[in-house]
N, C-alpha and C. Protein backbone atom coordinates (compact mmCIF):
# COMPACT_ATOMS: atom_id res chain seq x y z
N MET A 1 -151.24 107.13 -56.34
CA MET A 1 -151.60 107.02 -57.74
C MET A 1 -152.76 106.04 -57.88
N ASN A 2 -153.63 106.32 -58.82
CA ASN A 2 -154.74 105.41 -59.03
C ASN A 2 -154.66 104.82 -60.45
N TRP A 3 -155.48 103.81 -60.69
CA TRP A 3 -155.38 103.11 -61.95
C TRP A 3 -155.75 103.99 -63.14
N ASN A 4 -156.62 104.97 -62.95
CA ASN A 4 -156.98 105.87 -64.05
C ASN A 4 -155.75 106.59 -64.58
N GLN A 5 -154.83 106.95 -63.69
CA GLN A 5 -153.60 107.61 -64.12
C GLN A 5 -152.72 106.65 -64.93
N ILE A 6 -152.67 105.40 -64.48
CA ILE A 6 -151.90 104.39 -65.22
C ILE A 6 -152.48 104.20 -66.61
N GLU A 7 -153.80 104.04 -66.65
CA GLU A 7 -154.48 103.81 -67.91
C GLU A 7 -154.29 104.97 -68.88
N GLY A 8 -154.39 106.18 -68.37
CA GLY A 8 -154.24 107.36 -69.21
C GLY A 8 -152.83 107.59 -69.72
N ASN A 9 -151.85 107.07 -69.00
CA ASN A 9 -150.44 107.26 -69.37
C ASN A 9 -149.76 105.91 -69.61
N TRP A 10 -150.49 104.99 -70.19
CA TRP A 10 -150.01 103.62 -70.34
C TRP A 10 -148.65 103.55 -71.04
N THR A 11 -148.46 104.33 -72.06
CA THR A 11 -147.20 104.30 -72.80
C THR A 11 -146.02 104.57 -71.87
N GLN A 12 -146.19 105.50 -70.95
CA GLN A 12 -145.13 105.84 -70.01
C GLN A 12 -144.91 104.74 -68.97
N PHE A 13 -145.94 103.99 -68.64
CA PHE A 13 -145.84 102.99 -67.58
C PHE A 13 -145.48 101.60 -68.09
N LYS A 14 -145.52 101.39 -69.38
CA LYS A 14 -145.24 100.06 -69.92
C LYS A 14 -143.88 99.53 -69.49
N GLY A 15 -142.88 100.38 -69.49
CA GLY A 15 -141.55 99.96 -69.07
C GLY A 15 -141.49 99.54 -67.62
N ARG A 16 -142.19 100.28 -66.78
CA ARG A 16 -142.23 99.93 -65.35
C ARG A 16 -142.95 98.61 -65.13
N VAL A 17 -144.03 98.42 -65.88
CA VAL A 17 -144.78 97.17 -65.77
C VAL A 17 -143.90 96.00 -66.21
N GLN A 18 -143.20 96.18 -67.32
CA GLN A 18 -142.36 95.10 -67.81
C GLN A 18 -141.17 94.85 -66.89
N SER A 19 -140.68 95.88 -66.21
CA SER A 19 -139.61 95.68 -65.23
C SER A 19 -140.10 94.84 -64.05
N GLN A 20 -141.34 95.07 -63.64
CA GLN A 20 -141.91 94.33 -62.52
C GLN A 20 -142.25 92.90 -62.92
N TRP A 21 -142.84 92.73 -64.10
CA TRP A 21 -143.29 91.42 -64.56
C TRP A 21 -142.64 91.12 -65.90
N GLY A 22 -141.42 90.63 -65.84
CA GLY A 22 -140.59 90.42 -67.02
C GLY A 22 -141.10 89.41 -68.02
N LYS A 23 -142.03 88.56 -67.62
CA LYS A 23 -142.56 87.57 -68.56
C LYS A 23 -143.57 88.18 -69.53
N LEU A 24 -143.99 89.41 -69.29
CA LEU A 24 -144.90 90.06 -70.21
C LEU A 24 -144.12 90.55 -71.44
N THR A 25 -144.64 90.26 -72.60
CA THR A 25 -143.98 90.68 -73.84
C THR A 25 -144.47 92.06 -74.25
N ASP A 26 -143.78 92.65 -75.20
CA ASP A 26 -144.24 93.93 -75.76
C ASP A 26 -145.63 93.78 -76.37
N ASP A 27 -145.86 92.65 -77.02
CA ASP A 27 -147.19 92.40 -77.59
C ASP A 27 -148.25 92.33 -76.50
N ASP A 28 -147.92 91.68 -75.36
CA ASP A 28 -148.86 91.62 -74.24
C ASP A 28 -149.21 93.03 -73.79
N LEU A 29 -148.20 93.86 -73.65
CA LEU A 29 -148.42 95.23 -73.16
C LEU A 29 -149.25 96.04 -74.14
N ASP A 30 -149.06 95.79 -75.43
CA ASP A 30 -149.87 96.48 -76.44
C ASP A 30 -151.33 96.05 -76.36
N VAL A 31 -151.57 94.77 -76.09
CA VAL A 31 -152.94 94.27 -75.97
C VAL A 31 -153.60 94.81 -74.70
N ILE A 32 -152.84 94.86 -73.63
CA ILE A 32 -153.37 95.31 -72.33
C ILE A 32 -153.84 96.77 -72.41
N GLU A 33 -153.05 97.62 -73.04
CA GLU A 33 -153.38 99.04 -73.22
C GLU A 33 -153.91 99.73 -71.97
N GLY A 34 -153.36 99.37 -70.81
CA GLY A 34 -153.76 100.03 -69.57
C GLY A 34 -154.97 99.45 -68.89
N ASP A 35 -155.58 98.43 -69.46
CA ASP A 35 -156.77 97.82 -68.88
C ASP A 35 -156.36 96.86 -67.76
N ARG A 36 -156.77 97.17 -66.55
CA ARG A 36 -156.34 96.37 -65.40
C ARG A 36 -156.80 94.92 -65.50
N LYS A 37 -158.00 94.70 -65.99
CA LYS A 37 -158.49 93.32 -66.13
C LYS A 37 -157.65 92.54 -67.12
N GLN A 38 -157.25 93.20 -68.20
CA GLN A 38 -156.37 92.56 -69.17
C GLN A 38 -155.01 92.24 -68.54
N LEU A 39 -154.48 93.17 -67.76
CA LEU A 39 -153.21 92.95 -67.07
C LEU A 39 -153.32 91.77 -66.12
N THR A 40 -154.39 91.74 -65.35
CA THR A 40 -154.61 90.64 -64.42
C THR A 40 -154.63 89.31 -65.15
N GLY A 41 -155.37 89.24 -66.24
CA GLY A 41 -155.46 88.02 -67.01
C GLY A 41 -154.14 87.57 -67.59
N LYS A 42 -153.38 88.51 -68.13
CA LYS A 42 -152.08 88.16 -68.71
C LYS A 42 -151.10 87.70 -67.63
N LEU A 43 -151.14 88.34 -66.47
CA LEU A 43 -150.25 87.91 -65.38
C LEU A 43 -150.62 86.52 -64.90
N GLN A 44 -151.91 86.23 -64.81
CA GLN A 44 -152.35 84.89 -64.43
C GLN A 44 -151.84 83.87 -65.45
N GLU A 45 -151.98 84.21 -66.71
CA GLU A 45 -151.56 83.32 -67.79
C GLU A 45 -150.06 83.07 -67.77
N ARG A 46 -149.29 84.13 -67.64
CA ARG A 46 -147.82 84.02 -67.71
C ARG A 46 -147.20 83.40 -66.45
N TYR A 47 -147.78 83.72 -65.28
CA TYR A 47 -147.17 83.29 -64.02
C TYR A 47 -147.92 82.15 -63.33
N GLY A 48 -149.10 81.80 -63.82
CA GLY A 48 -149.85 80.69 -63.25
C GLY A 48 -150.32 80.95 -61.83
N LYS A 49 -150.66 82.19 -61.53
CA LYS A 49 -151.10 82.57 -60.18
C LYS A 49 -152.60 82.79 -60.16
N ALA A 50 -153.16 82.74 -58.95
CA ALA A 50 -154.59 82.99 -58.76
C ALA A 50 -154.88 84.48 -58.94
N GLU A 51 -156.11 84.77 -59.30
CA GLU A 51 -156.52 86.16 -59.54
C GLU A 51 -156.29 87.03 -58.30
N GLU A 52 -156.60 86.51 -57.13
CA GLU A 52 -156.45 87.28 -55.90
C GLU A 52 -154.98 87.63 -55.65
N GLU A 53 -154.10 86.69 -55.92
CA GLU A 53 -152.67 86.94 -55.71
C GLU A 53 -152.17 88.00 -56.70
N VAL A 54 -152.60 87.90 -57.94
CA VAL A 54 -152.21 88.87 -58.95
C VAL A 54 -152.74 90.25 -58.59
N ASP A 55 -153.99 90.32 -58.13
CA ASP A 55 -154.57 91.61 -57.73
C ASP A 55 -153.76 92.25 -56.60
N ARG A 56 -153.32 91.44 -55.64
CA ARG A 56 -152.48 91.96 -54.54
C ARG A 56 -151.16 92.51 -55.08
N GLU A 57 -150.56 91.77 -56.01
CA GLU A 57 -149.29 92.23 -56.59
C GLU A 57 -149.47 93.55 -57.32
N ILE A 58 -150.56 93.66 -58.07
CA ILE A 58 -150.82 94.91 -58.80
C ILE A 58 -151.05 96.05 -57.83
N ASP A 59 -151.82 95.81 -56.77
CA ASP A 59 -152.06 96.85 -55.76
C ASP A 59 -150.77 97.28 -55.09
N ASP A 60 -149.89 96.32 -54.76
CA ASP A 60 -148.60 96.65 -54.16
C ASP A 60 -147.76 97.49 -55.12
N TRP A 61 -147.73 97.07 -56.38
CA TRP A 61 -146.96 97.80 -57.39
C TRP A 61 -147.51 99.23 -57.54
N LEU A 62 -148.83 99.34 -57.54
CA LEU A 62 -149.47 100.64 -57.70
C LEU A 62 -149.09 101.57 -56.55
N ARG A 63 -149.05 101.06 -55.34
CA ARG A 63 -148.67 101.88 -54.18
C ARG A 63 -147.22 102.37 -54.28
N ARG A 64 -146.36 101.54 -54.83
CA ARG A 64 -144.93 101.91 -54.95
C ARG A 64 -144.68 102.89 -56.09
N ASN A 65 -145.58 102.96 -57.04
CA ASN A 65 -145.37 103.84 -58.20
C ASN A 65 -146.26 104.99 -58.04
């Protein structure tokens, strides 16, 4: 699966994203709207991790889904 598929079907993937990263709120997910850069930023903000670490987590999650 690639990010374009996630972005195009964001409503369907919001639950999976929130299951993986429980600190994200519904409002966060509405703001993100499938934009990977927005997701990266929100994850950095909520979890206090470096951008590279967050990118790895997103890539791992993407491979599993």
